[in-house]
Amino acid sequence: MAQPASRQQLIDYCKRQLGAPVLEINVADEQVSDLVDDAVQYFQERHFDGVSQAFLKYKITQNDIDRGRARGGNNDPTAGITTTTATATIDGASMEFDWEENSNYLQVPPEVIGVTKIFHYDGTNSMSSGMFSIKYQMFLNDIYYWGATELLTYAMTKTYLSDIDFLLTTQKQIRFNQRMDRLYMDVDWSNVQLGDYIVMDCYRAANPNDYVRVWNDSFLKRYLTQLVKRQWGQNLLKFQGVKLPGGVELNGRQIYDDAQKELDNIREQMSNTYELPPLDMVG
């Protein structure tokens, strides 16, 4: 199938590109499966079509609050503090240091690869929301007859209030690493209440099992084909110099080198064409 819509169809497509069924592709099914996982991971982490912006909602539980508010604990993450002992050599002497870190984190799904920010959850943005906000009062008192308030004045007032709110209401400080699947919230956990919702502005990897068009991505098909070709050449390297009946000699080195050269070109194209430019700061 020229447009694969599943994992197996993509594997069959790549093998046909390498000559199957006319040629026997000497790569084990287990090796191909590993290569598919590697290709999908590379696609999700580097290709701009491999991720999508999402807003995920999470409801705070009592365990989250207890873990965030707790103080002390003997290496028990649920107790609030995790202690790590490190050894260093200073002036020829070996010394031990104890490092402590609060377990003020929320568990996030593994497909989340980056978190930009979390939105206000404790009602601190009171200047521009609620019953006594400027927007509510202006609509209540002045909008009842047309032309009472100029739109430019209203827009300038809203901008001014937003600037004040930005200065007085600090953003929630967060830390995130996709390999840990933890969103650390460096906030005052005494203000967090049971049942509050956290809304994360994040980037989530596109799961090909949920979005089957990922299997038909032009970059993924080309990249996986060369990965399989390189593995094919690597498998044949052990037969280098061995002559088959009829004087035919397997040239695994040539297959491997051709695939590696093409992979280098694909990765360079990835950086120049498909990859998002690096940001000045990643939080």
C-alpha atoms as a PDB file:
ATOM      1  CA  MET A   1       0.000   0.000   0.000  1.00  0.00           C
ATOM      2  CA  ALA A   2       1.520   3.310  -1.109  1.00  0.00           C
ATOM      3  CA  GLN A   3      -0.177   5.156   1.749  1.00  0.00           C
ATOM      4  CA  PRO A   4       0.393   3.095   4.890  1.00  0.00           C
ATOM      5  CA  ALA A   5      -2.187   3.513   7.624  1.00  0.00           C
ATOM      6  CA  SER A   6      -0.742   1.143  10.231  1.00  0.00           C
ATOM      7  CA  ARG A   7       2.557  -0.004  11.671  1.00  0.00           C
ATOM      8  CA  GLN A   8       2.713  -3.185   9.584  1.00  0.00           C
ATOM      9  CA  GLN A   9       1.763  -1.387   6.384  1.00  0.00           C
ATOM     10  CA  LEU A  10       4.627   1.050   6.929  1.00  0.00           C
ATOM     11  CA  ILE A  11       7.048  -1.858   7.445  1.00  0.00           C
ATOM     12  CA  ASP A  12       5.834  -3.536   4.250  1.00  0.00           C
ATOM     13  CA  TYR A  13       6.188  -0.250   2.356  1.00  0.00           C
ATOM     14  CA  CYS A  14       9.809   0.194   3.480  1.00  0.00           C
ATOM     15  CA  LYS A  15      10.721  -3.358   2.503  1.00  0.00           C
ATOM     16  CA  ARG A  16       9.209  -2.870  -0.947  1.00  0.00           C
ATOM     17  CA  GLN A  17      11.298   0.257  -1.373  1.00  0.00           C
ATOM     18  CA  LEU A  18      14.384  -1.879  -0.702  1.00  0.00           C
ATOM     19  CA  GLY A  19      13.449  -4.537  -3.258  1.00  0.00           C
ATOM     20  CA  ALA A  20      11.074  -6.966  -1.544  1.00  0.00           C
ATOM     21  CA  PRO A  21       9.628  -9.363  -2.534  1.00  0.00           C
ATOM     22  CA  VAL A  22      12.064  -9.629  -5.456  1.00  0.00           C
ATOM     23  CA  LEU A  23      14.968  -9.476  -3.008  1.00  0.00           C
ATOM     24  CA  GLU A  24      15.153 -11.006   0.419  1.00  0.00           C
ATOM     25  CA  ILE A  25      15.648  -8.293   3.051  1.00  0.00           C
ATOM     26  CA  ASN A  26      17.859  -9.934   5.668  1.00  0.00           C
ATOM     27  CA  VAL A  27      16.486  -8.070   8.685  1.00  0.00           C
ATOM     28  CA  ALA A  28      14.704  -9.793  11.546  1.00  0.00           C
ATOM     29  CA  ASP A  29      11.197  -8.746  12.543  1.00  0.00           C
ATOM     30  CA  GLU A  30      12.463  -7.792  15.996  1.00  0.00           C
ATOM     31  CA  GLN A  31      15.069  -5.503  14.446  1.00  0.00           C
ATOM     32  CA  VAL A  32      12.490  -3.844  12.212  1.00  0.00           C
ATOM     33  CA  SER A  33      10.190  -3.299  15.190  1.00  0.00           C
ATOM     34  CA  ASP A  34      12.989  -1.559  17.102  1.00  0.00           C
ATOM     35  CA  LEU A  35      13.751   0.624  14.078  1.00  0.00           C
ATOM     36  CA  VAL A  36      10.107   1.665  13.792  1.00  0.00           C
ATOM     37  CA  ASP A  37      10.141   2.759  17.446  1.00  0.00           C
ATOM     38  CA  ASP A  38      13.372   4.699  16.887  1.00  0.00           C
ATOM     39  CA  ALA A  39      12.008   6.400  13.779  1.00  0.00           C
ATOM     40  CA  VAL A  40       8.741   7.394  15.462  1.00  0.00           C
ATOM     41  CA  GLN A  41      10.634   8.760  18.482  1.00  0.00           C
ATOM     42  CA  TYR A  42      12.914  10.825  16.239  1.00  0.00           C
ATOM     43  CA  PHE A  43       9.886  12.080  14.316  1.00  0.00           C
ATOM     44  CA  GLN A  44       8.058  13.096  17.499  1.00  0.00           C
ATOM     45  CA  GLU A  45      11.043  14.855  19.045  1.00  0.00           C
ATOM     46  CA  ARG A  46      12.394  16.693  15.991  1.00  0.00           C
ATOM     47  CA  HIS A  47       9.663  17.103  13.359  1.00  0.00           C
ATOM     48  CA  PHE A  48       7.191  19.983  13.699  1.00  0.00           C
ATOM     49  CA  ASP A  49       4.374  17.662  12.585  1.00  0.00           C
ATOM     50  CA  GLY A  50       5.307  15.190  15.320  1.00  0.00           C
ATOM     51  CA  VAL A  51       3.879  17.356  18.106  1.00  0.00           C
ATOM     52  CA  SER A  52       0.829  19.531  18.618  1.00  0.00           C
ATOM     53  CA  GLN A  53      -0.055  22.206  21.122  1.00  0.00           C
ATOM     54  CA  ALA A  54      -2.605  21.057  23.683  1.00  0.00           C
ATOM     55  CA  PHE A  55      -4.325  22.309  26.810  1.00  0.00           C
ATOM     56  CA  LEU A  56      -4.586  19.518  29.362  1.00  0.00           C
ATOM     57  CA  LYS A  57      -6.756  19.782  32.453  1.00  0.00           C
ATOM     58  CA  TYR A  58      -5.848  18.069  35.709  1.00  0.00           C
ATOM     59  CA  LYS A  59      -7.839  17.971  38.946  1.00  0.00           C
ATOM     60  CA  ILE A  60      -5.816  18.343  42.143  1.00  0.00           C
ATOM     61  CA  THR A  61      -6.118  15.373  44.508  1.00  0.00           C
ATOM     62  CA  GLN A  62      -5.502  15.154  48.221  1.00  0.00           C
ATOM     63  CA  ASN A  63      -2.311  13.178  47.627  1.00  0.00           C
ATOM     64  CA  ASP A  64      -0.964  16.026  45.491  1.00  0.00           C
ATOM     65  CA  ILE A  65      -1.713  18.544  48.228  1.00  0.00           C
ATOM     66  CA  ASP A  66      -0.202  16.388  50.996  1.00  0.00           C
ATOM     67  CA  ARG A  67       2.929  15.816  48.946  1.00  0.00           C
ATOM     68  CA  GLY A  68       3.289  19.505  48.128  1.00  0.00           C
ATOM     69  CA  ARG A  69       2.684  20.794  51.669  1.00  0.00           C
ATOM     70  CA  ALA A  70       4.642  18.152  53.581  1.00  0.00           C
ATOM     71  CA  ARG A  71       7.974  18.909  55.180  1.00  0.00           C
ATOM     72  CA  GLY A  72      10.591  16.305  55.884  1.00  0.00           C
ATOM     73  CA  GLY A  73      10.689  12.627  55.128  1.00  0.00           C
ATOM     74  CA  ASN A  74      13.176   9.785  54.934  1.00  0.00           C
ATOM     75  CA  ASN A  75      13.528   9.485  51.152  1.00  0.00           C
ATOM     76  CA  ASP A  76       9.781   9.016  50.888  1.00  0.00           C
ATOM     77  CA  PRO A  77       8.442  10.992  47.897  1.00  0.00           C
ATOM     78  CA  THR A  78       4.998  11.132  49.495  1.00  0.00           C
ATOM     79  CA  ALA A  79       6.468  12.816  52.558  1.00  0.00           C
ATOM     80  CA  GLY A  80       7.446  15.948  50.688  1.00  0.00           C
ATOM     81  CA  ILE A  81      11.258  15.866  50.573  1.00  0.00           C
ATOM     82  CA  THR A  82      13.646  13.531  48.822  1.00  0.00           C
ATOM     83  CA  THR A  83      17.213  13.362  50.132  1.00  0.00           C
ATOM     84  CA  THR A  84      20.148  12.436  47.888  1.00  0.00           C
ATOM     85  CA  THR A  85      23.685  11.811  49.125  1.00  0.00           C
ATOM     86  CA  ALA A  86      26.527  12.761  46.784  1.00  0.00           C
ATOM     87  CA  THR A  87      30.265  12.177  47.209  1.00  0.00           C
ATOM     88  CA  ALA A  88      32.908  14.619  45.967  1.00  0.00           C
ATOM     89  CA  THR A  89      36.668  14.902  46.301  1.00  0.00           C
ATOM     90  CA  ILE A  90      37.905  18.283  47.549  1.00  0.00           C
ATOM     91  CA  ASP A  91      41.639  18.893  48.106  1.00  0.00           C
ATOM     92  CA  GLY A  92      42.234  15.159  48.059  1.00  0.00           C
ATOM     93  CA  ALA A  93      39.640  14.459  50.748  1.00  0.00           C
ATOM     94  CA  SER A  94      36.400  12.604  50.056  1.00  0.00           C
ATOM     95  CA  MET A  95      33.333  14.417  51.378  1.00  0.00           C
ATOM     96  CA  GLU A  96      29.632  13.608  51.361  1.00  0.00           C
ATOM     97  CA  PHE A  97      26.871  16.112  50.726  1.00  0.00           C
ATOM     98  CA  ASP A  98      23.151  15.708  51.335  1.00  0.00           C
ATOM     99  CA  TRP A  99      20.825  17.326  48.816  1.00  0.00           C
ATOM    100  CA  GLU A 100      17.130  17.795  49.483  1.00  0.00           C
ATOM    101  CA  GLU A 101      14.339  18.448  47.001  1.00  0.00           C
ATOM    102  CA  ASN A 102      10.631  18.888  47.640  1.00  0.00           C
ATOM    103  CA  SER A 103       8.350  16.383  45.963  1.00  0.00           C
ATOM    104  CA  ASN A 104       6.009  19.129  44.789  1.00  0.00           C
ATOM    105  CA  TYR A 105       5.251  17.601  41.420  1.00  0.00           C
ATOM    106  CA  LEU A 106       2.310  16.366  39.399  1.00  0.00           C
ATOM    107  CA  GLN A 107       2.530  13.264  37.250  1.00  0.00           C
ATOM    108  CA  VAL A 108       1.936  14.044  33.582  1.00  0.00           C
ATOM    109  CA  PRO A 109       1.266  11.699  30.649  1.00  0.00           C
ATOM    110  CA  PRO A 110       4.381  10.348  28.894  1.00  0.00           C
ATOM    111  CA  GLU A 111       3.330  11.820  25.526  1.00  0.00           C
ATOM    112  CA  VAL A 112       3.790  15.360  26.896  1.00  0.00           C
ATOM    113  CA  ILE A 113       7.226  16.510  25.717  1.00  0.00           C
ATOM    114  CA  GLY A 114       7.138  20.139  26.853  1.00  0.00           C
ATOM    115  CA  VAL A 115       5.162  22.418  29.170  1.00  0.00           C
ATOM    116  CA  THR A 116       5.061  26.141  28.418  1.00  0.00           C
ATOM    117  CA  LYS A 117       3.045  27.380  31.386  1.00  0.00           C
ATOM    118  CA  ILE A 118       0.074  26.711  33.619  1.00  0.00           C
ATOM    119  CA  PHE A 119      -2.880  29.038  33.851  1.00  0.00           C
ATOM    120  CA  HIS A 120      -4.196  30.732  36.997  1.00  0.00           C
ATOM    121  CA  TYR A 121      -6.170  28.374  39.164  1.00  0.00           C
ATOM    122  CA  ASP A 122      -6.675  30.270  42.445  1.00  0.00           C
ATOM    123  CA  GLY A 123      -8.635  33.327  41.342  1.00  0.00           C
ATOM    124  CA  THR A 124      -5.680  35.720  41.644  1.00  0.00           C
ATOM    125  CA  ASN A 125      -6.588  37.422  38.379  1.00  0.00           C
ATOM    126  CA  SER A 126      -9.357  39.364  40.111  1.00  0.00           C
ATOM    127  CA  MET A 127      -8.736  42.667  38.371  1.00  0.00           C
ATOM    128  CA  SER A 128     -10.160  41.569  35.049  1.00  0.00           C
ATOM    129  CA  SER A 129     -12.537  38.783  36.058  1.00  0.00           C
ATOM    130  CA  GLY A 130     -15.505  38.333  38.336  1.00  0.00           C
ATOM    131  CA  MET A 131     -18.514  40.451  39.131  1.00  0.00           C
ATOM    132  CA  PHE A 132     -16.524  43.576  40.046  1.00  0.00           C
ATOM    133  CA  SER A 133     -14.221  43.526  37.034  1.00  0.00           C
ATOM    134  CA  ILE A 134     -13.968  46.596  34.818  1.00  0.00           C
ATOM    135  CA  LYS A 135     -15.456  44.655  31.909  1.00  0.00           C
ATOM    136  CA  TYR A 136     -18.519  43.605  33.883  1.00  0.00           C
ATOM    137  CA  GLN A 137     -19.088  47.076  35.331  1.00  0.00           C
ATOM    138  CA  MET A 138     -18.737  48.828  31.994  1.00  0.00           C
ATOM    139  CA  PHE A 139     -21.218  46.502  30.325  1.00  0.00           C
ATOM    140  CA  LEU A 140     -23.574  46.824  33.297  1.00  0.00           C
ATOM    141  CA  ASN A 141     -23.552  50.618  33.554  1.00  0.00           C
ATOM    142  CA  ASP A 142     -22.539  52.084  30.207  1.00  0.00           C
ATOM    143  CA  ILE A 143     -23.392  49.738  27.372  1.00  0.00           C
ATOM    144  CA  TYR A 144     -27.151  49.981  27.773  1.00  0.00           C
ATOM    145  CA  TYR A 145     -27.291  52.875  25.335  1.00  0.00           C
ATOM    146  CA  TRP A 146     -25.262  52.838  22.111  1.00  0.00           C
ATOM    147  CA  GLY A 147     -22.228  55.074  21.885  1.00  0.00           C
ATOM    148  CA  ALA A 148     -21.783  55.771  25.603  1.00  0.00           C
ATOM    149  CA  THR A 149     -18.252  54.373  25.621  1.00  0.00           C
ATOM    150  CA  GLU A 150     -15.687  54.556  22.873  1.00  0.00           C
ATOM    151  CA  LEU A 151     -14.180  51.216  21.954  1.00  0.00           C
ATOM    152  CA  LEU A 152     -10.685  52.720  21.877  1.00  0.00           C
ATOM    153  CA  THR A 153     -11.039  53.943  25.473  1.00  0.00           C
ATOM    154  CA  TYR A 154     -12.319  50.547  26.552  1.00  0.00           C
ATOM    155  CA  ALA A 155      -9.435  48.746  24.789  1.00  0.00           C
ATOM    156  CA  MET A 156      -6.823  51.060  26.304  1.00  0.00           C
ATOM    157  CA  THR A 157      -8.315  50.590  29.769  1.00  0.00           C
ATOM    158  CA  LYS A 158      -8.271  46.827  29.412  1.00  0.00           C
ATOM    159  CA  THR A 159      -4.630  46.912  28.274  1.00  0.00           C
ATOM    160  CA  TYR A 160      -3.670  49.101  31.229  1.00  0.00           C
ATOM    161  CA  LEU A 161      -5.388  46.775  33.701  1.00  0.00           C
ATOM    162  CA  SER A 162      -3.713  43.776  32.101  1.00  0.00           C
ATOM    163  CA  ASP A 163      -0.309  45.412  32.610  1.00  0.00           C
ATOM    164  CA  ILE A 164      -1.093  46.049  36.281  1.00  0.00           C
ATOM    165  CA  ASP A 165      -2.287  42.491  36.728  1.00  0.00           C
ATOM    166  CA  PHE A 166       0.887  41.169  35.064  1.00  0.00           C
ATOM    167  CA  LEU A 167       3.060  43.142  37.503  1.00  0.00           C
ATOM    168  CA  LEU A 168       1.096  42.313  40.649  1.00  0.00           C
ATOM    169  CA  THR A 169       0.170  38.701  39.893  1.00  0.00           C
ATOM    170  CA  THR A 170       3.239  36.543  39.417  1.00  0.00           C
ATOM    171  CA  GLN A 171       3.171  33.602  37.068  1.00  0.00           C
ATOM    172  CA  LYS A 172       3.318  30.116  38.531  1.00  0.00           C
ATOM    173  CA  GLN A 173       6.896  28.849  38.509  1.00  0.00           C
ATOM    174  CA  ILE A 174       7.209  25.391  37.000  1.00  0.00           C
ATOM    175  CA  ARG A 175       9.942  22.935  36.055  1.00  0.00           C
ATOM    176  CA  PHE A 176       9.547  20.086  33.617  1.00  0.00           C
ATOM    177  CA  ASN A 177      11.654  17.403  31.955  1.00  0.00           C
ATOM    178  CA  GLN A 178      10.063  14.976  29.534  1.00  0.00           C
ATOM    179  CA  ARG A 179      12.244  12.073  30.696  1.00  0.00           C
ATOM    180  CA  MET A 180      10.872  12.378  34.243  1.00  0.00           C
ATOM    181  CA  ASP A 181       7.144  12.770  33.413  1.00  0.00           C
ATOM    182  CA  ARG A 182       6.863  15.198  36.321  1.00  0.00           C
ATOM    183  CA  LEU A 183       5.650  18.787  36.412  1.00  0.00           C
ATOM    184  CA  TYR A 184       7.215  20.514  39.429  1.00  0.00           C
ATOM    185  CA  MET A 185       5.162  23.455  40.727  1.00  0.00           C
ATOM    186  CA  ASP A 186       7.188  25.855  42.855  1.00  0.00           C
ATOM    187  CA  VAL A 187       4.161  27.576  44.378  1.00  0.00           C
ATOM    188  CA  ASP A 188       2.662  28.166  47.787  1.00  0.00           C
ATOM    189  CA  TRP A 189       0.814  24.905  48.227  1.00  0.00           C
ATOM    190  CA  SER A 190      -1.221  26.355  51.103  1.00  0.00           C
ATOM    191  CA  ASN A 191      -3.227  28.214  48.425  1.00  0.00           C
ATOM    192  CA  VAL A 192      -3.943  25.014  46.500  1.00  0.00           C
ATOM    193  CA  GLN A 193      -7.305  23.502  47.376  1.00  0.00           C
ATOM    194  CA  LEU A 194      -8.788  20.082  46.792  1.00  0.00           C
ATOM    195  CA  GLY A 195     -10.683  20.037  43.521  1.00  0.00           C
ATOM    196  CA  ASP A 196      -8.742  22.893  41.893  1.00  0.00           C
ATOM    197  CA  TYR A 197      -7.956  22.379  38.245  1.00  0.00           C
ATOM    198  CA  ILE A 198      -4.567  22.821  36.633  1.00  0.00           C
ATOM    199  CA  VAL A 199      -4.634  23.728  32.936  1.00  0.00           C
ATOM    200  CA  MET A 200      -1.296  23.158  31.217  1.00  0.00           C
ATOM    201  CA  ASP A 201      -0.238  24.796  27.988  1.00  0.00           C
ATOM    202  CA  CYS A 202       1.920  22.000  26.616  1.00  0.00           C
ATOM    203  CA  TYR A 203       3.154  20.182  23.549  1.00  0.00           C
ATOM    204  CA  ARG A 204       2.059  16.589  23.085  1.00  0.00           C
ATOM    205  CA  ALA A 205       3.586  13.997  20.786  1.00  0.00           C
ATOM    206  CA  ALA A 206       1.344  12.715  18.015  1.00  0.00           C
ATOM    207  CA  ASN A 207       0.579   9.078  18.770  1.00  0.00           C
ATOM    208  CA  PRO A 208       0.411   7.177  15.452  1.00  0.00           C
ATOM    209  CA  ASN A 209      -1.980   4.674  16.991  1.00  0.00           C
ATOM    210  CA  ASP A 210      -4.475   7.510  17.502  1.00  0.00           C
ATOM    211  CA  TYR A 211      -3.616   9.500  14.377  1.00  0.00           C
ATOM    212  CA  VAL A 212      -2.975   6.933  11.630  1.00  0.00           C
ATOM    213  CA  ARG A 213      -1.879   9.565   9.093  1.00  0.00           C
ATOM    214  CA  VAL A 214       1.429   9.713  10.970  1.00  0.00           C
ATOM    215  CA  TRP A 215       2.338   6.368   9.392  1.00  0.00           C
ATOM    216  CA  ASN A 216       2.027   7.993   5.962  1.00  0.00           C
ATOM    217  CA  ASP A 217       4.285  10.967   6.706  1.00  0.00           C
ATOM    218  CA  SER A 218       6.764  11.428   3.856  1.00  0.00           C
ATOM    219  CA  PHE A 219       9.698  12.048   6.191  1.00  0.00           C
ATOM    220  CA  LEU A 220       8.923   9.047   8.391  1.00  0.00           C
ATOM    221  CA  LYS A 221       8.658   6.676   5.402  1.00  0.00           C
ATOM    222  CA  ARG A 222      11.938   7.860   3.937  1.00  0.00           C
ATOM    223  CA  TYR A 223      13.776   7.836   7.261  1.00  0.00           C
ATOM    224  CA  LEU A 224      12.596   4.366   8.288  1.00  0.00           C
ATOM    225  CA  THR A 225      13.476   2.937   4.866  1.00  0.00           C
ATOM    226  CA  GLN A 226      17.083   4.029   5.282  1.00  0.00           C
ATOM    227  CA  LEU A 227      17.207   2.717   8.847  1.00  0.00           C
ATOM    228  CA  VAL A 228      16.111  -0.705   7.637  1.00  0.00           C
ATOM    229  CA  LYS A 229      18.624  -0.530   4.777  1.00  0.00           C
ATOM    230  CA  ARG A 230      21.457   0.295   7.166  1.00  0.00           C
ATOM    231  CA  GLN A 231      20.465  -2.583   9.430  1.00  0.00           C
ATOM    232  CA  TRP A 232      20.352  -4.864   6.388  1.00  0.00           C
ATOM    233  CA  GLY A 233      23.902  -3.847   5.452  1.00  0.00           C
ATOM    234  CA  GLN A 234      25.086  -4.267   9.032  1.00  0.00           C
ATOM    235  CA  ASN A 235      23.669  -7.792   9.134  1.00  0.00           C
ATOM    236  CA  LEU A 236      25.495  -8.666   5.905  1.00  0.00           C
ATOM    237  CA  LEU A 237      28.860  -7.338   7.080  1.00  0.00           C
ATOM    238  CA  LYS A 238      29.666 -10.654   8.740  1.00  0.00           C
ATOM    239  CA  PHE A 239      29.421 -12.313   5.319  1.00  0.00           C
ATOM    240  CA  GLN A 240      31.911  -9.891   3.751  1.00  0.00           C
ATOM    241  CA  GLY A 241      34.076 -11.770   1.271  1.00  0.00           C
ATOM    242  CA  VAL A 242      31.947 -14.923   1.338  1.00  0.00           C
ATOM    243  CA  LYS A 243      31.094 -16.049  -2.205  1.00  0.00           C
ATOM    244  CA  LEU A 244      27.736 -17.597  -2.961  1.00  0.00           C
ATOM    245  CA  PRO A 245      27.144 -20.279  -5.612  1.00  0.00           C
ATOM    246  CA  GLY A 246      27.709 -18.767  -9.027  1.00  0.00           C
ATOM    247  CA  GLY A 247      30.435 -16.408  -7.799  1.00  0.00           C
ATOM    248  CA  VAL A 248      28.038 -13.819  -6.341  1.00  0.00           C
ATOM    249  CA  GLU A 249      29.474 -11.914  -3.388  1.00  0.00           C
ATOM    250  CA  LEU A 250      27.338 -10.043  -0.825  1.00  0.00           C
ATOM    251  CA  ASN A 251      28.443  -6.442  -0.439  1.00  0.00           C
ATOM    252  CA  GLY A 252      27.085  -5.477   2.960  1.00  0.00           C
ATOM    253  CA  ARG A 253      29.595  -2.637   3.358  1.00  0.00           C
ATOM    254  CA  GLN A 254      28.258  -0.839   0.277  1.00  0.00           C
ATOM    255  CA  ILE A 255      24.664  -1.178   1.455  1.00  0.00           C
ATOM    256  CA  TYR A 256      25.599   0.097   4.917  1.00  0.00           C
ATOM    257  CA  ASP A 257      27.600   3.074   3.601  1.00  0.00           C
ATOM    258  CA  ASP A 258      24.868   4.101   1.144  1.00  0.00           C
ATOM    259  CA  ALA A 259      22.237   4.009   3.870  1.00  0.00           C
ATOM    260  CA  GLN A 260      24.402   5.938   6.330  1.00  0.00           C
ATOM    261  CA  LYS A 261      25.083   8.643   3.741  1.00  0.00           C
ATOM    262  CA  GLU A 262      21.390   8.990   3.009  1.00  0.00           C
ATOM    263  CA  LEU A 263      20.577   9.130   6.751  1.00  0.00           C
ATOM    264  CA  ASP A 264      23.067  11.960   7.183  1.00  0.00           C
ATOM    265  CA  ASN A 265      21.368  13.875   4.374  1.00  0.00           C
ATOM    266  CA  ILE A 266      17.930  13.244   5.865  1.00  0.00           C
ATOM    267  CA  ARG A 267      19.002  14.467   9.322  1.00  0.00           C
ATOM    268  CA  GLU A 268      20.555  17.574   7.829  1.00  0.00           C
ATOM    269  CA  GLN A 269      17.344  18.236   5.945  1.00  0.00           C
ATOM    270  CA  MET A 270      15.441  17.718   9.185  1.00  0.00           C
ATOM    271  CA  SER A 271      17.424  20.460  10.916  1.00  0.00           C
ATOM    272  CA  ASN A 272      17.064  22.872   7.998  1.00  0.00           C
ATOM    273  CA  THR A 273      13.484  22.200   6.939  1.00  0.00           C
ATOM    274  CA  TYR A 274      11.311  20.267   9.364  1.00  0.00           C
ATOM    275  CA  GLU A 275      12.690  21.175  12.780  1.00  0.00           C
ATOM    276  CA  LEU A 276      11.470  24.201  14.701  1.00  0.00           C
ATOM    277  CA  PRO A 277      14.218  26.766  15.378  1.00  0.00           C
ATOM    278  CA  PRO A 278      15.692  26.635  18.902  1.00  0.00           C
ATOM    279  CA  LEU A 279      14.325  29.144  21.405  1.00  0.00           C
ATOM    280  CA  ASP A 280      16.436  31.503  23.445  1.00  0.00           C
ATOM    281  CA  MET A 281      15.070  29.982  26.627  1.00  0.00           C
ATOM    282  CA  VAL A 282      13.394  26.651  27.253  1.00  0.00           C
ATOM    283  CA  GLY A 283      11.569  26.314  30.566  1.00  0.00           C
END
